[in-house]
Amino acid sequence: MDLNKLMDAARQMQDEMSKAKEQQVDMRISGESGGGLVKVLINGLHEVLELKIDPSLIKDEDLSMLEDLVRAAMNQANLKLADELKTSLGDVASKMGLDLGGMDFPGNMS
């Protein structure tokens, strides 16, 4: 085993993973619930960028339902993000000859 090749591969993998992480900030993932009455847009860092609520939901008696719909939209966006991250980081890892099949990502409920 050539130690220099191993170190070069480790550096290359570190560079690729750093690039992938930087790209997370630019990712845009949406989630919605209630047939589109509540919409959420997050980035790859799980930060909420936009929250859109249909005005028909804003009534005192509907507050509990609104809270449930917001939670559902955010959860959907985070699950989509986890899938996107797994795919993009898996692509990086496969280029390096690694298998991340067993890795779990935040928000991934599977």
N, C-alpha and C. Protein backbone atom coordinates (compact mmCIF):
# COMPACT_ATOMS: atom_id res chain seq x y z
N MET A 1 0.86 -1.20 0.00
CA MET A 1 0.00 0.00 0.00
C MET A 1 0.89 1.24 0.00
N ASP A 2 0.65 2.12 -0.93
CA ASP A 2 1.43 3.33 -1.07
C ASP A 2 0.82 4.43 -0.20
N LEU A 3 1.55 4.84 0.81
CA LEU A 3 1.07 5.84 1.76
C LEU A 3 0.80 7.18 1.08
N ASN A 4 1.62 7.56 0.12
CA ASN A 4 1.41 8.82 -0.60
C ASN A 4 0.10 8.81 -1.37
N LYS A 5 -0.19 7.68 -2.04
CA LYS A 5 -1.46 7.57 -2.77
C LYS A 5 -2.63 7.65 -1.81
N LEU A 6 -2.49 7.03 -0.67
CA LEU A 6 -3.56 7.06 0.34
C LEU A 6 -3.78 8.48 0.85
N MET A 7 -2.73 9.20 1.11
CA MET A 7 -2.84 10.58 1.58
C MET A 7 -3.44 11.47 0.50
N ASP A 8 -3.04 11.27 -0.75
CA ASP A 8 -3.60 12.06 -1.85
C ASP A 8 -5.10 11.78 -1.99
N ALA A 9 -5.48 10.53 -1.87
CA ALA A 9 -6.89 10.16 -1.96
C ALA A 9 -7.68 10.79 -0.82
N ALA A 10 -7.10 10.80 0.37
CA ALA A 10 -7.77 11.41 1.54
C ALA A 10 -7.94 12.91 1.33
N ARG A 11 -6.92 13.57 0.81
CA ARG A 11 -7.00 15.01 0.54
C ARG A 11 -8.06 15.30 -0.52
N GLN A 12 -8.06 14.48 -1.57
CA GLN A 12 -9.04 14.67 -2.64
C GLN A 12 -10.45 14.48 -2.10
N MET A 13 -10.65 13.46 -1.28
CA MET A 13 -11.96 13.22 -0.70
C MET A 13 -12.37 14.39 0.19
N GLN A 14 -11.44 14.90 0.98
CA GLN A 14 -11.73 16.04 1.84
C GLN A 14 -12.13 17.26 1.00
N ASP A 15 -11.43 17.49 -0.09
CA ASP A 15 -11.76 18.61 -0.98
C ASP A 15 -13.15 18.44 -1.59
N GLU A 16 -13.46 17.23 -2.05
CA GLU A 16 -14.77 16.96 -2.66
C GLU A 16 -15.89 17.13 -1.63
N MET A 17 -15.67 16.65 -0.41
CA MET A 17 -16.69 16.78 0.63
C MET A 17 -16.87 18.24 1.02
N SER A 18 -15.81 19.02 1.04
CA SER A 18 -15.92 20.45 1.34
C SER A 18 -16.73 21.15 0.26
N LYS A 19 -16.48 20.82 -0.99
CA LYS A 19 -17.24 21.43 -2.10
C LYS A 19 -18.72 21.06 -1.98
N ALA A 20 -18.99 19.79 -1.67
CA ALA A 20 -20.38 19.35 -1.55
C ALA A 20 -21.09 20.10 -0.43
N LYS A 21 -20.39 20.30 0.68
CA LYS A 21 -20.99 21.02 1.80
C LYS A 21 -21.26 22.48 1.44
N GLU A 22 -20.35 23.10 0.71
CA GLU A 22 -20.55 24.48 0.28
C GLU A 22 -21.78 24.59 -0.63
N GLN A 23 -22.01 23.56 -1.43
CA GLN A 23 -23.15 23.57 -2.34
C GLN A 23 -24.47 23.44 -1.58
N GLN A 24 -24.43 22.92 -0.37
CA GLN A 24 -25.65 22.79 0.43
C GLN A 24 -26.32 24.14 0.65
N VAL A 25 -25.53 25.18 0.82
CA VAL A 25 -26.09 26.51 1.07
C VAL A 25 -26.94 26.95 -0.12
N ASP A 26 -26.54 26.55 -1.33
CA ASP A 26 -27.25 26.98 -2.53
C ASP A 26 -28.44 26.08 -2.88
N MET A 27 -28.56 24.95 -2.21
CA MET A 27 -29.69 24.05 -2.50
C MET A 27 -31.00 24.70 -2.10
N ARG A 28 -32.04 24.42 -2.84
CA ARG A 28 -33.38 24.89 -2.53
C ARG A 28 -34.33 23.70 -2.61
N ILE A 29 -34.96 23.38 -1.49
CA ILE A 29 -35.88 22.25 -1.39
C ILE A 29 -37.20 22.77 -0.85
N SER A 30 -38.29 22.36 -1.51
CA SER A 30 -39.60 22.83 -1.06
C SER A 30 -40.39 21.69 -0.46
N GLY A 31 -41.31 22.06 0.41
CA GLY A 31 -42.26 21.12 0.99
C GLY A 31 -43.59 21.83 1.10
N GLU A 32 -44.66 21.04 1.02
CA GLU A 32 -45.98 21.66 1.15
C GLU A 32 -46.92 20.68 1.84
N SER A 33 -48.01 21.24 2.34
CA SER A 33 -49.05 20.43 2.97
C SER A 33 -50.39 21.10 2.75
N GLY A 34 -51.43 20.35 3.07
CA GLY A 34 -52.78 20.90 2.91
C GLY A 34 -53.10 21.21 1.47
N GLY A 35 -52.61 20.39 0.55
CA GLY A 35 -52.88 20.64 -0.86
C GLY A 35 -52.29 21.95 -1.36
N GLY A 36 -51.18 22.38 -0.78
CA GLY A 36 -50.53 23.62 -1.21
C GLY A 36 -50.92 24.84 -0.40
N LEU A 37 -51.72 24.65 0.65
CA LEU A 37 -52.12 25.79 1.48
C LEU A 37 -50.95 26.32 2.29
N VAL A 38 -50.00 25.43 2.63
CA VAL A 38 -48.80 25.84 3.35
C VAL A 38 -47.60 25.35 2.55
N LYS A 39 -46.66 26.27 2.26
CA LYS A 39 -45.47 25.94 1.48
C LYS A 39 -44.24 26.44 2.23
N VAL A 40 -43.19 25.61 2.20
CA VAL A 40 -41.94 25.95 2.87
C VAL A 40 -40.80 25.76 1.88
N LEU A 41 -39.82 26.66 1.90
CA LEU A 41 -38.62 26.53 1.10
C LEU A 41 -37.43 26.57 2.06
N ILE A 42 -36.58 25.53 2.00
CA ILE A 42 -35.40 25.48 2.87
C ILE A 42 -34.15 25.35 2.00
N ASN A 43 -33.01 25.64 2.63
CA ASN A 43 -31.75 25.40 1.93
C ASN A 43 -31.13 24.11 2.45
N GLY A 44 -29.96 23.79 1.95
CA GLY A 44 -29.29 22.55 2.33
C GLY A 44 -28.80 22.50 3.76
N LEU A 45 -28.91 23.60 4.47
CA LEU A 45 -28.53 23.64 5.88
C LEU A 45 -29.75 23.55 6.79
N HIS A 46 -30.89 23.21 6.19
CA HIS A 46 -32.16 23.08 6.91
C HIS A 46 -32.69 24.43 7.41
N GLU A 47 -32.23 25.52 6.83
CA GLU A 47 -32.73 26.84 7.20
C GLU A 47 -33.98 27.15 6.38
N VAL A 48 -35.02 27.64 7.04
CA VAL A 48 -36.24 28.01 6.35
C VAL A 48 -36.01 29.35 5.66
N LEU A 49 -36.16 29.36 4.33
CA LEU A 49 -35.96 30.57 3.54
C LEU A 49 -37.28 31.28 3.27
N GLU A 50 -38.33 30.50 3.05
CA GLU A 50 -39.65 31.07 2.78
C GLU A 50 -40.71 30.22 3.46
N LEU A 51 -41.75 30.89 3.91
CA LEU A 51 -42.93 30.22 4.46
C LEU A 51 -44.13 30.95 3.88
N LYS A 52 -44.94 30.23 3.10
CA LYS A 52 -46.13 30.81 2.48
C LYS A 52 -47.36 30.12 3.07
N ILE A 53 -48.29 30.91 3.58
CA ILE A 53 -49.52 30.39 4.17
C ILE A 53 -50.70 31.03 3.45
N ASP A 54 -51.57 30.20 2.93
CA ASP A 54 -52.77 30.70 2.24
C ASP A 54 -53.59 31.50 3.25
N PRO A 55 -54.02 32.72 2.91
CA PRO A 55 -54.76 33.57 3.84
C PRO A 55 -56.05 32.93 4.37
N SER A 56 -56.60 31.99 3.65
CA SER A 56 -57.84 31.35 4.11
C SER A 56 -57.64 30.55 5.40
N LEU A 57 -56.39 30.26 5.75
CA LEU A 57 -56.11 29.49 6.97
C LEU A 57 -55.97 30.34 8.22
N ILE A 58 -55.93 31.65 8.07
CA ILE A 58 -55.65 32.51 9.22
C ILE A 58 -56.94 32.92 9.90
N LYS A 59 -57.35 32.06 10.81
CA LYS A 59 -58.50 32.29 11.68
C LYS A 59 -58.14 31.69 13.03
N ASP A 60 -58.58 32.29 14.09
CA ASP A 60 -58.22 31.79 15.42
C ASP A 60 -58.56 30.32 15.61
N GLU A 61 -59.72 29.91 15.12
CA GLU A 61 -60.14 28.54 15.35
C GLU A 61 -59.33 27.53 14.53
N ASP A 62 -58.60 28.00 13.52
CA ASP A 62 -57.82 27.11 12.67
C ASP A 62 -56.33 27.08 13.06
N LEU A 63 -55.96 27.71 14.15
CA LEU A 63 -54.56 27.80 14.54
C LEU A 63 -53.92 26.42 14.69
N SER A 64 -54.59 25.50 15.32
CA SER A 64 -54.04 24.16 15.52
C SER A 64 -53.79 23.47 14.17
N MET A 65 -54.75 23.60 13.26
CA MET A 65 -54.58 22.99 11.93
C MET A 65 -53.43 23.66 11.19
N LEU A 66 -53.32 24.97 11.29
CA LEU A 66 -52.24 25.69 10.63
C LEU A 66 -50.88 25.22 11.16
N GLU A 67 -50.77 25.07 12.46
CA GLU A 67 -49.52 24.59 13.05
C GLU A 67 -49.17 23.20 12.52
N ASP A 68 -50.17 22.33 12.41
CA ASP A 68 -49.93 20.99 11.88
C ASP A 68 -49.49 21.03 10.43
N LEU A 69 -50.10 21.91 9.64
CA LEU A 69 -49.73 22.02 8.23
C LEU A 69 -48.32 22.57 8.05
N VAL A 70 -47.94 23.55 8.85
CA VAL A 70 -46.58 24.09 8.78
C VAL A 70 -45.58 23.01 9.15
N ARG A 71 -45.84 22.29 10.21
CA ARG A 71 -44.95 21.20 10.64
C ARG A 71 -44.83 20.14 9.53
N ALA A 72 -45.95 19.79 8.90
CA ALA A 72 -45.93 18.79 7.84
C ALA A 72 -45.13 19.26 6.62
N ALA A 73 -45.30 20.52 6.24
CA ALA A 73 -44.56 21.06 5.10
C ALA A 73 -43.06 21.10 5.38
N MET A 74 -42.69 21.49 6.58
CA MET A 74 -41.28 21.53 6.94
C MET A 74 -40.68 20.13 6.97
N ASN A 75 -41.42 19.19 7.52
CA ASN A 75 -40.93 17.81 7.55
C ASN A 75 -40.76 17.26 6.14
N GLN A 76 -41.69 17.57 5.24
CA GLN A 76 -41.58 17.09 3.87
C GLN A 76 -40.33 17.68 3.21
N ALA A 77 -40.10 18.96 3.41
CA ALA A 77 -38.91 19.60 2.82
C ALA A 77 -37.63 18.98 3.38
N ASN A 78 -37.60 18.71 4.67
CA ASN A 78 -36.40 18.11 5.27
C ASN A 78 -36.17 16.69 4.79
N LEU A 79 -37.22 15.92 4.58
CA LEU A 79 -37.05 14.58 4.03
C LEU A 79 -36.51 14.63 2.61
N LYS A 80 -37.02 15.57 1.81
CA LYS A 80 -36.51 15.74 0.45
C LYS A 80 -35.03 16.13 0.48
N LEU A 81 -34.69 17.02 1.40
CA LEU A 81 -33.31 17.46 1.53
C LEU A 81 -32.40 16.29 1.89
N ALA A 82 -32.82 15.46 2.82
CA ALA A 82 -32.01 14.31 3.22
C ALA A 82 -31.75 13.40 2.01
N ASP A 83 -32.75 13.20 1.18
CA ASP A 83 -32.57 12.39 -0.02
C ASP A 83 -31.59 13.05 -0.99
N GLU A 84 -31.73 14.37 -1.16
CA GLU A 84 -30.82 15.10 -2.05
C GLU A 84 -29.38 15.01 -1.56
N LEU A 85 -29.18 15.20 -0.25
CA LEU A 85 -27.84 15.14 0.32
C LEU A 85 -27.24 13.76 0.19
N LYS A 86 -28.05 12.75 0.44
CA LYS A 86 -27.56 11.38 0.33
C LYS A 86 -27.11 11.10 -1.11
N THR A 87 -27.89 11.57 -2.07
CA THR A 87 -27.53 11.38 -3.47
C THR A 87 -26.26 12.13 -3.83
N SER A 88 -26.19 13.42 -3.47
CA SER A 88 -25.03 14.22 -3.87
C SER A 88 -23.76 13.77 -3.15
N LEU A 89 -23.85 13.47 -1.86
CA LEU A 89 -22.67 13.00 -1.15
C LEU A 89 -22.30 11.59 -1.58
N GLY A 90 -23.29 10.81 -1.94
CA GLY A 90 -23.02 9.46 -2.44
C GLY A 90 -22.27 9.51 -3.77
N ASP A 91 -22.62 10.48 -4.61
CA ASP A 91 -21.92 10.66 -5.88
C ASP A 91 -20.45 11.00 -5.63
N VAL A 92 -20.21 11.89 -4.69
CA VAL A 92 -18.84 12.27 -4.34
C VAL A 92 -18.09 11.05 -3.82
N ALA A 93 -18.73 10.31 -2.92
CA ALA A 93 -18.08 9.14 -2.33
C ALA A 93 -17.79 8.08 -3.38
N SER A 94 -18.72 7.87 -4.31
CA SER A 94 -18.50 6.84 -5.33
C SER A 94 -17.33 7.21 -6.24
N LYS A 95 -17.14 8.51 -6.48
CA LYS A 95 -15.98 8.95 -7.26
C LYS A 95 -14.69 8.57 -6.55
N MET A 96 -14.79 8.52 -5.22
CA MET A 96 -13.61 8.19 -4.42
C MET A 96 -13.51 6.69 -4.15
N GLY A 97 -14.48 5.93 -4.65
CA GLY A 97 -14.47 4.49 -4.44
C GLY A 97 -15.02 4.07 -3.09
N LEU A 98 -15.83 4.93 -2.47
CA LEU A 98 -16.41 4.64 -1.16
C LEU A 98 -17.89 4.34 -1.31
N ASP A 99 -18.43 3.60 -0.34
CA ASP A 99 -19.86 3.30 -0.32
C ASP A 99 -20.46 3.90 0.94
N LEU A 100 -21.39 4.87 0.78
CA LEU A 100 -22.04 5.50 1.93
C LEU A 100 -23.45 4.95 2.13
N GLY A 101 -23.72 3.79 1.57
CA GLY A 101 -25.06 3.22 1.63
C GLY A 101 -25.63 3.12 3.02
N GLY A 102 -24.82 2.90 4.04
CA GLY A 102 -25.31 2.76 5.40
C GLY A 102 -25.37 4.05 6.18
N MET A 103 -24.92 5.15 5.57
CA MET A 103 -24.92 6.42 6.29
C MET A 103 -26.31 7.02 6.37
N ASP A 104 -26.59 7.68 7.46
CA ASP A 104 -27.88 8.36 7.64
C ASP A 104 -27.60 9.85 7.69
N PHE A 105 -28.53 10.64 7.19
CA PHE A 105 -28.38 12.08 7.16
C PHE A 105 -29.47 12.71 7.99
N PRO A 106 -29.20 13.88 8.58
CA PRO A 106 -30.24 14.54 9.38
C PRO A 106 -31.51 14.70 8.59
N GLY A 107 -32.62 14.37 9.24
CA GLY A 107 -33.91 14.50 8.58
C GLY A 107 -34.34 13.26 7.85
N ASN A 108 -33.42 12.31 7.69
CA ASN A 108 -33.76 11.08 6.98
C ASN A 108 -34.42 10.12 7.95
N MET A 109 -35.70 9.85 7.72
CA MET A 109 -36.46 9.00 8.63
C MET A 109 -36.45 7.54 8.20
N SER A 110 -35.78 7.21 7.11
CA SER A 110 -35.81 5.82 6.63
C SER A 110 -34.75 4.99 7.28
